Amino acid sequence: MKLIAVGDNVTDCYVDDNVYYPGGNAVNVVVNCQKDGAKKTAYIGIFGNDENAQWIQDCLAKEGIDTSRSRKVYAHSAQPRVLLKDGDRVFAPGKRESCQHLFSIHLAQEDLDVIQDFDICHTSCYSNMEYELETLAKICDVSFDFSDKRDAAYLNRVCPYITYAFFSGSDLDENVCQELLKLASSKGAKICGVTRGSKGSMFYDGENFYTQGIIKTEVIDTMGAGDSFIAGFLTNYGDSKNMEEALSFAAAKAAATCRVHGGFGYPHPMAE
């Protein structure tokens, strides 16, 4: 499986430890796909002109991620502040007017020429790529992380163009999860899944439901665990097309991420 990610990048600022980590859904997914054995990976994002942006780019280079089609703008990186409570992450507002808030990516033909060489293009509701989904769907499978955006109007807008739909639903009971997945499927998404925190995950392929429990582990930091799950699922399912195998693999990768700080490591001291 070959995956390219398009969209958000941030530096997650851990207030208590006075460090920040590279992150963002699209960044975390592509890095973990690379770690999980994807045959080829790349990332198209918008980088600011500050030290944080350079740190993200350096970390991606160390992980072997091609960022040559990314943009650079004169603005600071998004910096959500993170507090850890019993290993779980709690977000607080960061600085506004960041490059992620001010700019979005318009895919030029040169970008599309690159993307069409990949099996899957992953993006999310945080990436402002909804208006590019129809074009992307014509050249590769599209993976989309809805996070907790579940309203019918948004599903109507996105689902017709995506192959893989991922939702966050730790607050949902089993019946509501089933209805959500059936709704996304009816609107066009082929493989739909909802991660439910400690309750595991539920997936639907248009015919059958599948459930996967969590793999118990020492929890140091849950940051990026959901993104690791998505990456593990896409990497394994993209090659095997075996739902049970892919879900088990994804659960193991999410558990491993819970044992480290940040989405995929690389702590950096915050500037004074």
C-alpha atoms as a PDB file:
ATOM      1  CA  MET A   1       0.000   0.000   0.000  1.00  0.00           C
ATOM      2  CA  LYS A   2       1.208   3.497  -0.897  1.00  0.00           C
ATOM      3  CA  LEU A   3      -0.243   6.451   1.015  1.00  0.00           C
ATOM      4  CA  ILE A   4      -0.041  10.211   0.714  1.00  0.00           C
ATOM      5  CA  ALA A   5      -1.524  12.552   3.343  1.00  0.00           C
ATOM      6  CA  VAL A   6      -2.729  16.082   2.671  1.00  0.00           C
ATOM      7  CA  GLY A   7      -3.587  18.675   5.263  1.00  0.00           C
ATOM      8  CA  ASP A   8      -3.019  19.852   8.785  1.00  0.00           C
ATOM      9  CA  ASN A   9       0.199  19.950  10.790  1.00  0.00           C
ATOM     10  CA  VAL A  10       0.606  21.296  14.296  1.00  0.00           C
ATOM     11  CA  THR A  11       3.023  21.286  17.188  1.00  0.00           C
ATOM     12  CA  ASP A  12       1.328  19.988  20.292  1.00  0.00           C
ATOM     13  CA  CYS A  13       2.614  22.053  23.229  1.00  0.00           C
ATOM     14  CA  TYR A  14       2.723  20.059  26.471  1.00  0.00           C
ATOM     15  CA  VAL A  15       2.358  22.786  29.064  1.00  0.00           C
ATOM     16  CA  ASP A  16       3.384  20.767  32.125  1.00  0.00           C
ATOM     17  CA  ASP A  17       6.598  19.490  30.520  1.00  0.00           C
ATOM     18  CA  ASN A  18       7.446  22.688  28.582  1.00  0.00           C
ATOM     19  CA  VAL A  19       8.004  20.714  25.359  1.00  0.00           C
ATOM     20  CA  TYR A  20       6.242  20.406  22.037  1.00  0.00           C
ATOM     21  CA  TYR A  21       5.839  17.512  19.627  1.00  0.00           C
ATOM     22  CA  PRO A  22       5.171  17.361  15.884  1.00  0.00           C
ATOM     23  CA  GLY A  23       1.614  16.304  15.151  1.00  0.00           C
ATOM     24  CA  GLY A  24      -1.699  16.772  13.438  1.00  0.00           C
ATOM     25  CA  ASN A  25      -3.962  14.054  12.064  1.00  0.00           C
ATOM     26  CA  ALA A  26      -2.509  13.910   8.557  1.00  0.00           C
ATOM     27  CA  VAL A  27       1.082  14.065   9.825  1.00  0.00           C
ATOM     28  CA  ASN A  28       0.522  11.364  12.439  1.00  0.00           C
ATOM     29  CA  VAL A  29      -1.193   9.058   9.950  1.00  0.00           C
ATOM     30  CA  VAL A  30       1.482   9.287   7.264  1.00  0.00           C
ATOM     31  CA  VAL A  31       4.356   8.819   9.743  1.00  0.00           C
ATOM     32  CA  ASN A  32       2.710   5.768  11.261  1.00  0.00           C
ATOM     33  CA  CYS A  33       1.949   4.294   7.839  1.00  0.00           C
ATOM     34  CA  GLN A  34       5.651   4.588   7.081  1.00  0.00           C
ATOM     35  CA  LYS A  35       6.494   2.855  10.376  1.00  0.00           C
ATOM     36  CA  ASP A  36       3.896   0.161   9.701  1.00  0.00           C
ATOM     37  CA  GLY A  37       5.463  -0.847   6.400  1.00  0.00           C
ATOM     38  CA  ALA A  38       3.747   1.211   3.693  1.00  0.00           C
ATOM     39  CA  LYS A  39       5.598   0.823   0.403  1.00  0.00           C
ATOM     40  CA  LYS A  40       5.678   4.564  -0.268  1.00  0.00           C
ATOM     41  CA  THR A  41       4.617   7.665   1.688  1.00  0.00           C
ATOM     42  CA  ALA A  42       4.436  11.405   1.124  1.00  0.00           C
ATOM     43  CA  TYR A  43       2.887  14.462   2.716  1.00  0.00           C
ATOM     44  CA  ILE A  44       1.536  17.729   1.301  1.00  0.00           C
ATOM     45  CA  GLY A  45       0.988  20.359   3.971  1.00  0.00           C
ATOM     46  CA  ILE A  46       1.306  24.050   4.754  1.00  0.00           C
ATOM     47  CA  PHE A  47       4.346  24.939   6.848  1.00  0.00           C
ATOM     48  CA  GLY A  48       4.863  28.236   8.591  1.00  0.00           C
ATOM     49  CA  ASN A  49       8.147  30.112   8.765  1.00  0.00           C
ATOM     50  CA  ASP A  50       8.834  29.535  12.462  1.00  0.00           C
ATOM     51  CA  GLU A  51      11.053  27.130  14.384  1.00  0.00           C
ATOM     52  CA  ASN A  52       8.147  24.783  15.059  1.00  0.00           C
ATOM     53  CA  ALA A  53       7.472  24.315  11.352  1.00  0.00           C
ATOM     54  CA  GLN A  54      11.123  23.568  10.696  1.00  0.00           C
ATOM     55  CA  TRP A  55      11.087  21.004  13.499  1.00  0.00           C
ATOM     56  CA  ILE A  56       8.100  19.197  11.935  1.00  0.00           C
ATOM     57  CA  GLN A  57       9.848  19.129   8.554  1.00  0.00           C
ATOM     58  CA  ASP A  58      13.068  17.811  10.092  1.00  0.00           C
ATOM     59  CA  CYS A  59      11.167  15.054  11.904  1.00  0.00           C
ATOM     60  CA  LEU A  60       9.316  14.038   8.741  1.00  0.00           C
ATOM     61  CA  ALA A  61      12.611  13.883   6.864  1.00  0.00           C
ATOM     62  CA  LYS A  62      14.072  11.607   9.559  1.00  0.00           C
ATOM     63  CA  GLU A  63      11.043   9.337   9.172  1.00  0.00           C
ATOM     64  CA  GLY A  64      11.530   9.134   5.405  1.00  0.00           C
ATOM     65  CA  ILE A  65       8.435  11.127   4.425  1.00  0.00           C
ATOM     66  CA  ASP A  66       8.586  13.038   1.115  1.00  0.00           C
ATOM     67  CA  THR A  67       7.345  16.627   1.662  1.00  0.00           C
ATOM     68  CA  SER A  68       8.546  18.119  -1.611  1.00  0.00           C
ATOM     69  CA  ARG A  69       5.060  19.267  -2.710  1.00  0.00           C
ATOM     70  CA  SER A  70       4.331  21.088   0.571  1.00  0.00           C
ATOM     71  CA  ARG A  71       3.890  24.855   0.803  1.00  0.00           C
ATOM     72  CA  LYS A  72       5.646  27.375   3.054  1.00  0.00           C
ATOM     73  CA  VAL A  73       3.964  30.602   4.156  1.00  0.00           C
ATOM     74  CA  TYR A  74       4.770  33.579   6.359  1.00  0.00           C
ATOM     75  CA  ALA A  75       2.796  32.653   9.485  1.00  0.00           C
ATOM     76  CA  HIS A  76       3.374  30.720  12.678  1.00  0.00           C
ATOM     77  CA  SER A  77       2.445  27.055  13.162  1.00  0.00           C
ATOM     78  CA  ALA A  78      -0.691  26.021  15.006  1.00  0.00           C
ATOM     79  CA  GLN A  79       0.215  25.291  18.627  1.00  0.00           C
ATOM     80  CA  PRO A  80      -2.606  23.720  20.639  1.00  0.00           C
ATOM     81  CA  ARG A  81      -1.725  23.532  24.325  1.00  0.00           C
ATOM     82  CA  VAL A  82      -1.975  20.060  25.841  1.00  0.00           C
ATOM     83  CA  LEU A  83      -2.511  19.052  29.448  1.00  0.00           C
ATOM     84  CA  LEU A  84      -2.185  15.426  30.549  1.00  0.00           C
ATOM     85  CA  LYS A  85      -4.685  14.114  33.094  1.00  0.00           C
ATOM     86  CA  ASP A  86      -4.219  10.442  34.047  1.00  0.00           C
ATOM     87  CA  GLY A  87      -2.508   9.844  30.711  1.00  0.00           C
ATOM     88  CA  ASP A  88      -5.342  11.317  28.665  1.00  0.00           C
ATOM     89  CA  ARG A  89      -4.902  14.537  26.710  1.00  0.00           C
ATOM     90  CA  VAL A  90      -6.898  17.697  27.342  1.00  0.00           C
ATOM     91  CA  PHE A  91      -6.598  20.491  24.773  1.00  0.00           C
ATOM     92  CA  ALA A  92      -6.586  24.188  25.542  1.00  0.00           C
ATOM     93  CA  PRO A  93      -6.637  27.041  23.010  1.00  0.00           C
ATOM     94  CA  GLY A  94      -3.347  27.997  21.387  1.00  0.00           C
ATOM     95  CA  LYS A  95      -2.304  31.019  19.373  1.00  0.00           C
ATOM     96  CA  ARG A  96      -4.668  32.020  16.564  1.00  0.00           C
ATOM     97  CA  GLU A  97      -3.742  33.401  13.143  1.00  0.00           C
ATOM     98  CA  SER A  98      -1.609  30.346  12.406  1.00  0.00           C
ATOM     99  CA  CYS A  99      -0.774  29.088   8.912  1.00  0.00           C
ATOM    100  CA  GLN A 100      -3.369  26.331   9.353  1.00  0.00           C
ATOM    101  CA  HIS A 101      -6.047  28.903  10.249  1.00  0.00           C
ATOM    102  CA  LEU A 102      -5.176  31.358   7.491  1.00  0.00           C
ATOM    103  CA  PHE A 103      -4.389  29.159   4.483  1.00  0.00           C
ATOM    104  CA  SER A 104      -5.709  26.101   2.678  1.00  0.00           C
ATOM    105  CA  ILE A 105      -4.244  23.945  -0.074  1.00  0.00           C
ATOM    106  CA  HIS A 106      -5.386  24.229  -3.660  1.00  0.00           C
ATOM    107  CA  LEU A 107      -4.252  21.130  -5.529  1.00  0.00           C
ATOM    108  CA  ALA A 108      -2.487  22.070  -8.745  1.00  0.00           C
ATOM    109  CA  GLN A 109      -2.109  19.652 -11.636  1.00  0.00           C
ATOM    110  CA  GLU A 110       1.455  18.976 -10.511  1.00  0.00           C
ATOM    111  CA  ASP A 111       0.096  17.823  -7.139  1.00  0.00           C
ATOM    112  CA  LEU A 112      -2.461  15.559  -8.797  1.00  0.00           C
ATOM    113  CA  ASP A 113       0.256  14.046 -10.980  1.00  0.00           C
ATOM    114  CA  VAL A 114       2.064  13.049  -7.780  1.00  0.00           C
ATOM    115  CA  ILE A 115      -1.014  11.895  -5.854  1.00  0.00           C
ATOM    116  CA  GLN A 116      -2.237   9.565  -8.583  1.00  0.00           C
ATOM    117  CA  ASP A 117       0.801   7.360  -8.001  1.00  0.00           C
ATOM    118  CA  PHE A 118      -0.540   6.487  -4.532  1.00  0.00           C
ATOM    119  CA  ASP A 119      -3.208   3.980  -3.566  1.00  0.00           C
ATOM    120  CA  ILE A 120      -4.753   6.127  -0.811  1.00  0.00           C
ATOM    121  CA  CYS A 121      -4.863   9.853  -0.069  1.00  0.00           C
ATOM    122  CA  HIS A 122      -5.663  10.591   3.577  1.00  0.00           C
ATOM    123  CA  THR A 123      -7.042  13.870   4.865  1.00  0.00           C
ATOM    124  CA  SER A 124      -9.390  15.076   7.587  1.00  0.00           C
ATOM    125  CA  CYS A 125     -12.050  17.536   8.684  1.00  0.00           C
ATOM    126  CA  TYR A 126      -9.227  19.712  10.063  1.00  0.00           C
ATOM    127  CA  SER A 127      -7.538  20.127   6.683  1.00  0.00           C
ATOM    128  CA  ASN A 128     -10.049  22.229   4.722  1.00  0.00           C
ATOM    129  CA  MET A 129      -9.862  19.800   1.804  1.00  0.00           C
ATOM    130  CA  GLU A 130     -13.568  19.104   1.352  1.00  0.00           C
ATOM    131  CA  TYR A 131     -13.706  21.050  -1.902  1.00  0.00           C
ATOM    132  CA  GLU A 132     -10.905  18.875  -3.379  1.00  0.00           C
ATOM    133  CA  LEU A 133     -12.453  15.480  -2.541  1.00  0.00           C
ATOM    134  CA  GLU A 134     -14.324  15.040  -5.811  1.00  0.00           C
ATOM    135  CA  THR A 135     -11.090  15.561  -7.754  1.00  0.00           C
ATOM    136  CA  LEU A 136      -9.095  13.267  -5.458  1.00  0.00           C
ATOM    137  CA  ALA A 137     -11.680  10.487  -5.747  1.00  0.00           C
ATOM    138  CA  LYS A 138     -11.087  10.318  -9.496  1.00  0.00           C
ATOM    139  CA  ILE A 139      -7.410   9.396  -9.111  1.00  0.00           C
ATOM    140  CA  CYS A 140      -7.144   7.285  -5.917  1.00  0.00           C
ATOM    141  CA  ASP A 141      -9.022   5.983  -2.898  1.00  0.00           C
ATOM    142  CA  VAL A 142      -9.679   8.696  -0.317  1.00  0.00           C
ATOM    143  CA  SER A 143      -9.449   8.221   3.455  1.00  0.00           C
ATOM    144  CA  PHE A 144     -11.137  10.836   5.648  1.00  0.00           C
ATOM    145  CA  ASP A 145     -11.101  11.368   9.406  1.00  0.00           C
ATOM    146  CA  PHE A 146     -14.355  13.020  10.511  1.00  0.00           C
ATOM    147  CA  SER A 147     -13.289  13.189  14.169  1.00  0.00           C
ATOM    148  CA  ASP A 148     -16.571  14.005  15.960  1.00  0.00           C
ATOM    149  CA  LYS A 149     -18.260  15.741  12.996  1.00  0.00           C
ATOM    150  CA  ARG A 150     -21.326  13.567  12.403  1.00  0.00           C
ATOM    151  CA  ASP A 151     -24.134  15.853  11.217  1.00  0.00           C
ATOM    152  CA  ALA A 152     -26.040  14.670   8.161  1.00  0.00           C
ATOM    153  CA  ALA A 153     -25.261  17.759   6.072  1.00  0.00           C
ATOM    154  CA  TYR A 154     -21.514  17.213   6.484  1.00  0.00           C
ATOM    155  CA  LEU A 155     -21.822  13.508   5.659  1.00  0.00           C
ATOM    156  CA  ASN A 156     -23.798  14.451   2.537  1.00  0.00           C
ATOM    157  CA  ARG A 157     -20.946  16.709   1.478  1.00  0.00           C
ATOM    158  CA  VAL A 158     -18.061  14.300   2.117  1.00  0.00           C
ATOM    159  CA  CYS A 159     -19.167  10.658   1.935  1.00  0.00           C
ATOM    160  CA  PRO A 160     -19.875  10.414  -1.821  1.00  0.00           C
ATOM    161  CA  TYR A 161     -16.155  10.824  -2.540  1.00  0.00           C
ATOM    162  CA  ILE A 162     -14.442   8.673   0.065  1.00  0.00           C
ATOM    163  CA  THR A 163     -13.523   5.022   0.417  1.00  0.00           C
ATOM    164  CA  TYR A 164     -12.546   5.031   4.096  1.00  0.00           C
ATOM    165  CA  ALA A 165     -14.528   6.995   6.709  1.00  0.00           C
ATOM    166  CA  PHE A 166     -13.251   7.237  10.289  1.00  0.00           C
ATOM    167  CA  PHE A 167     -15.205   8.721  13.202  1.00  0.00           C
ATOM    168  CA  SER A 168     -14.429   9.332  16.881  1.00  0.00           C
ATOM    169  CA  GLY A 169     -17.246   8.128  19.100  1.00  0.00           C
ATOM    170  CA  SER A 170     -16.213   7.377  22.669  1.00  0.00           C
ATOM    171  CA  ASP A 171     -19.444   9.118  23.723  1.00  0.00           C
ATOM    172  CA  LEU A 172     -21.694   6.902  21.572  1.00  0.00           C
ATOM    173  CA  ASP A 173     -23.391   3.651  22.509  1.00  0.00           C
ATOM    174  CA  GLU A 174     -23.308   0.615  20.222  1.00  0.00           C
ATOM    175  CA  ASN A 175     -26.670   1.214  18.560  1.00  0.00           C
ATOM    176  CA  VAL A 176     -25.844   4.824  17.740  1.00  0.00           C
ATOM    177  CA  CYS A 177     -22.504   3.732  16.284  1.00  0.00           C
ATOM    178  CA  GLN A 178     -24.254   1.242  14.019  1.00  0.00           C
ATOM    179  CA  GLU A 179     -26.674   3.883  12.777  1.00  0.00           C
ATOM    180  CA  LEU A 180     -23.853   6.345  12.126  1.00  0.00           C
ATOM    181  CA  LEU A 181     -21.868   3.794  10.125  1.00  0.00           C
ATOM    182  CA  LYS A 182     -24.910   2.730   8.101  1.00  0.00           C
ATOM    183  CA  LEU A 183     -25.676   6.376   7.364  1.00  0.00           C
ATOM    184  CA  ALA A 184     -22.131   7.099   6.140  1.00  0.00           C
ATOM    185  CA  SER A 185     -22.219   3.944   4.026  1.00  0.00           C
ATOM    186  CA  SER A 186     -25.581   4.843   2.490  1.00  0.00           C
ATOM    187  CA  LYS A 187     -24.126   8.174   1.399  1.00  0.00           C
ATOM    188  CA  GLY A 188     -21.213   6.572  -0.448  1.00  0.00           C
ATOM    189  CA  ALA A 189     -18.370   5.673   1.921  1.00  0.00           C
ATOM    190  CA  LYS A 190     -17.183   2.092   1.341  1.00  0.00           C
ATOM    191  CA  ILE A 191     -15.475   1.202   4.641  1.00  0.00           C
ATOM    192  CA  CYS A 192     -16.717   3.040   7.721  1.00  0.00           C
ATOM    193  CA  GLY A 193     -15.322   2.847  11.242  1.00  0.00           C
ATOM    194  CA  VAL A 194     -15.754   4.505  14.616  1.00  0.00           C
ATOM    195  CA  THR A 195     -13.135   4.393  17.354  1.00  0.00           C
ATOM    196  CA  ARG A 196     -14.660   4.360  20.841  1.00  0.00           C
ATOM    197  CA  GLY A 197     -11.773   4.883  23.250  1.00  0.00           C
ATOM    198  CA  SER A 198     -11.664   2.179  25.915  1.00  0.00           C
ATOM    199  CA  LYS A 199     -14.670   0.467  24.287  1.00  0.00           C
ATOM    200  CA  GLY A 200     -12.659  -0.446  21.197  1.00  0.00           C
ATOM    201  CA  SER A 201     -13.907   0.136  17.672  1.00  0.00           C
ATOM    202  CA  MET A 202     -16.727  -0.813  15.303  1.00  0.00           C
ATOM    203  CA  PHE A 203     -16.508  -1.053  11.507  1.00  0.00           C
ATOM    204  CA  TYR A 204     -18.988  -1.620   8.684  1.00  0.00           C
ATOM    205  CA  ASP A 205     -18.291  -2.605   5.072  1.00  0.00           C
ATOM    206  CA  GLY A 206     -21.809  -2.141   3.720  1.00  0.00           C
ATOM    207  CA  GLU A 207     -22.826  -5.687   4.598  1.00  0.00           C
ATOM    208  CA  ASN A 208     -21.319  -6.732   7.915  1.00  0.00           C
ATOM    209  CA  PHE A 209     -20.365  -5.114  11.218  1.00  0.00           C
ATOM    210  CA  TYR A 210     -17.020  -5.858  12.868  1.00  0.00           C
ATOM    211  CA  THR A 211     -15.902  -5.051  16.407  1.00  0.00           C
ATOM    212  CA  GLN A 212     -12.421  -4.846  17.865  1.00  0.00           C
ATOM    213  CA  GLY A 213     -11.519  -4.485  21.524  1.00  0.00           C
ATOM    214  CA  ILE A 214      -8.592  -2.503  22.838  1.00  0.00           C
ATOM    215  CA  ILE A 215      -5.258  -4.096  23.650  1.00  0.00           C
ATOM    216  CA  LYS A 216      -4.536  -3.326  27.286  1.00  0.00           C
ATOM    217  CA  THR A 217      -1.242  -1.573  27.869  1.00  0.00           C
ATOM    218  CA  GLU A 218       0.454   0.958  30.095  1.00  0.00           C
ATOM    219  CA  VAL A 219      -0.981   4.332  29.134  1.00  0.00           C
ATOM    220  CA  ILE A 220       1.512   7.190  29.262  1.00  0.00           C
ATOM    221  CA  ASP A 221      -0.141   9.486  26.711  1.00  0.00           C
ATOM    222  CA  THR A 222      -3.134   8.873  24.420  1.00  0.00           C
ATOM    223  CA  MET A 223      -2.067  11.600  21.977  1.00  0.00           C
ATOM    224  CA  GLY A 224      -2.152  10.202  18.434  1.00  0.00           C
ATOM    225  CA  ALA A 225      -3.535   6.775  19.385  1.00  0.00           C
ATOM    226  CA  GLY A 226      -6.553   7.211  17.120  1.00  0.00           C
ATOM    227  CA  ASP A 227      -4.312   8.327  14.255  1.00  0.00           C
ATOM    228  CA  SER A 228      -2.107   5.273  14.822  1.00  0.00           C
ATOM    229  CA  PHE A 229      -5.206   3.100  14.640  1.00  0.00           C
ATOM    230  CA  ILE A 230      -6.174   4.669  11.308  1.00  0.00           C
ATOM    231  CA  ALA A 231      -2.645   4.244   9.942  1.00  0.00           C
ATOM    232  CA  GLY A 232      -2.437   0.630  11.067  1.00  0.00           C
ATOM    233  CA  PHE A 233      -5.807  -0.178   9.551  1.00  0.00           C
ATOM    234  CA  LEU A 234      -5.048   1.504   6.205  1.00  0.00           C
ATOM    235  CA  THR A 235      -1.602  -0.084   5.912  1.00  0.00           C
ATOM    236  CA  ASN A 236      -2.813  -3.595   6.679  1.00  0.00           C
ATOM    237  CA  TYR A 237      -6.201  -3.505   4.965  1.00  0.00           C
ATOM    238  CA  GLY A 238      -4.743  -1.792   1.907  1.00  0.00           C
ATOM    239  CA  ASP A 239      -2.658  -4.906   1.310  1.00  0.00           C
ATOM    240  CA  SER A 240      -4.656  -7.752   2.883  1.00  0.00           C
ATOM    241  CA  LYS A 241      -8.302  -6.673   2.398  1.00  0.00           C
ATOM    242  CA  ASN A 242      -8.933  -8.724   5.545  1.00  0.00           C
ATOM    243  CA  MET A 243     -11.053  -6.770   8.008  1.00  0.00           C
ATOM    244  CA  GLU A 244     -10.371  -8.840  11.141  1.00  0.00           C
ATOM    245  CA  GLU A 245      -6.626  -8.886  10.522  1.00  0.00           C
ATOM    246  CA  ALA A 246      -6.501  -5.155   9.827  1.00  0.00           C
ATOM    247  CA  LEU A 247      -8.490  -4.265  12.962  1.00  0.00           C
ATOM    248  CA  SER A 248      -6.293  -6.426  15.180  1.00  0.00           C
ATOM    249  CA  PHE A 249      -3.165  -4.883  13.665  1.00  0.00           C
ATOM    250  CA  ALA A 250      -4.582  -1.376  14.137  1.00  0.00           C
ATOM    251  CA  ALA A 251      -5.446  -2.009  17.787  1.00  0.00           C
ATOM    252  CA  ALA A 252      -1.892  -3.155  18.494  1.00  0.00           C
ATOM    253  CA  LYS A 253      -0.469  -0.017  16.868  1.00  0.00           C
ATOM    254  CA  ALA A 254      -2.785   2.244  18.866  1.00  0.00           C
ATOM    255  CA  ALA A 255      -1.724   0.530  22.090  1.00  0.00           C
ATOM    256  CA  ALA A 256       1.942   1.042  21.219  1.00  0.00           C
ATOM    257  CA  THR A 257       1.371   4.764  20.699  1.00  0.00           C
ATOM    258  CA  CYS A 258      -0.181   5.046  24.173  1.00  0.00           C
ATOM    259  CA  ARG A 259       3.199   4.016  25.617  1.00  0.00           C
ATOM    260  CA  VAL A 260       5.075   7.064  24.287  1.00  0.00           C
ATOM    261  CA  HIS A 261       4.689  10.828  24.655  1.00  0.00           C
ATOM    262  CA  GLY A 262       3.375  12.779  21.667  1.00  0.00           C
ATOM    263  CA  GLY A 263       1.907  11.459  18.438  1.00  0.00           C
ATOM    264  CA  PHE A 264       5.152   9.767  17.397  1.00  0.00           C
ATOM    265  CA  GLY A 265       7.835  11.178  19.682  1.00  0.00           C
ATOM    266  CA  TYR A 266      10.425  13.880  18.910  1.00  0.00           C
ATOM    267  CA  PRO A 267      10.060  16.191  21.932  1.00  0.00           C
ATOM    268  CA  HIS A 268      11.504  19.667  21.495  1.00  0.00           C
ATOM    269  CA  PRO A 269      11.949  22.340  24.199  1.00  0.00           C
ATOM    270  CA  MET A 270       9.567  25.256  23.910  1.00  0.00           C
ATOM    271  CA  ALA A 271      11.205  28.624  23.346  1.00  0.00           C
ATOM    272  CA  GLU A 272      11.125  31.078  26.241  1.00  0.00           C
END
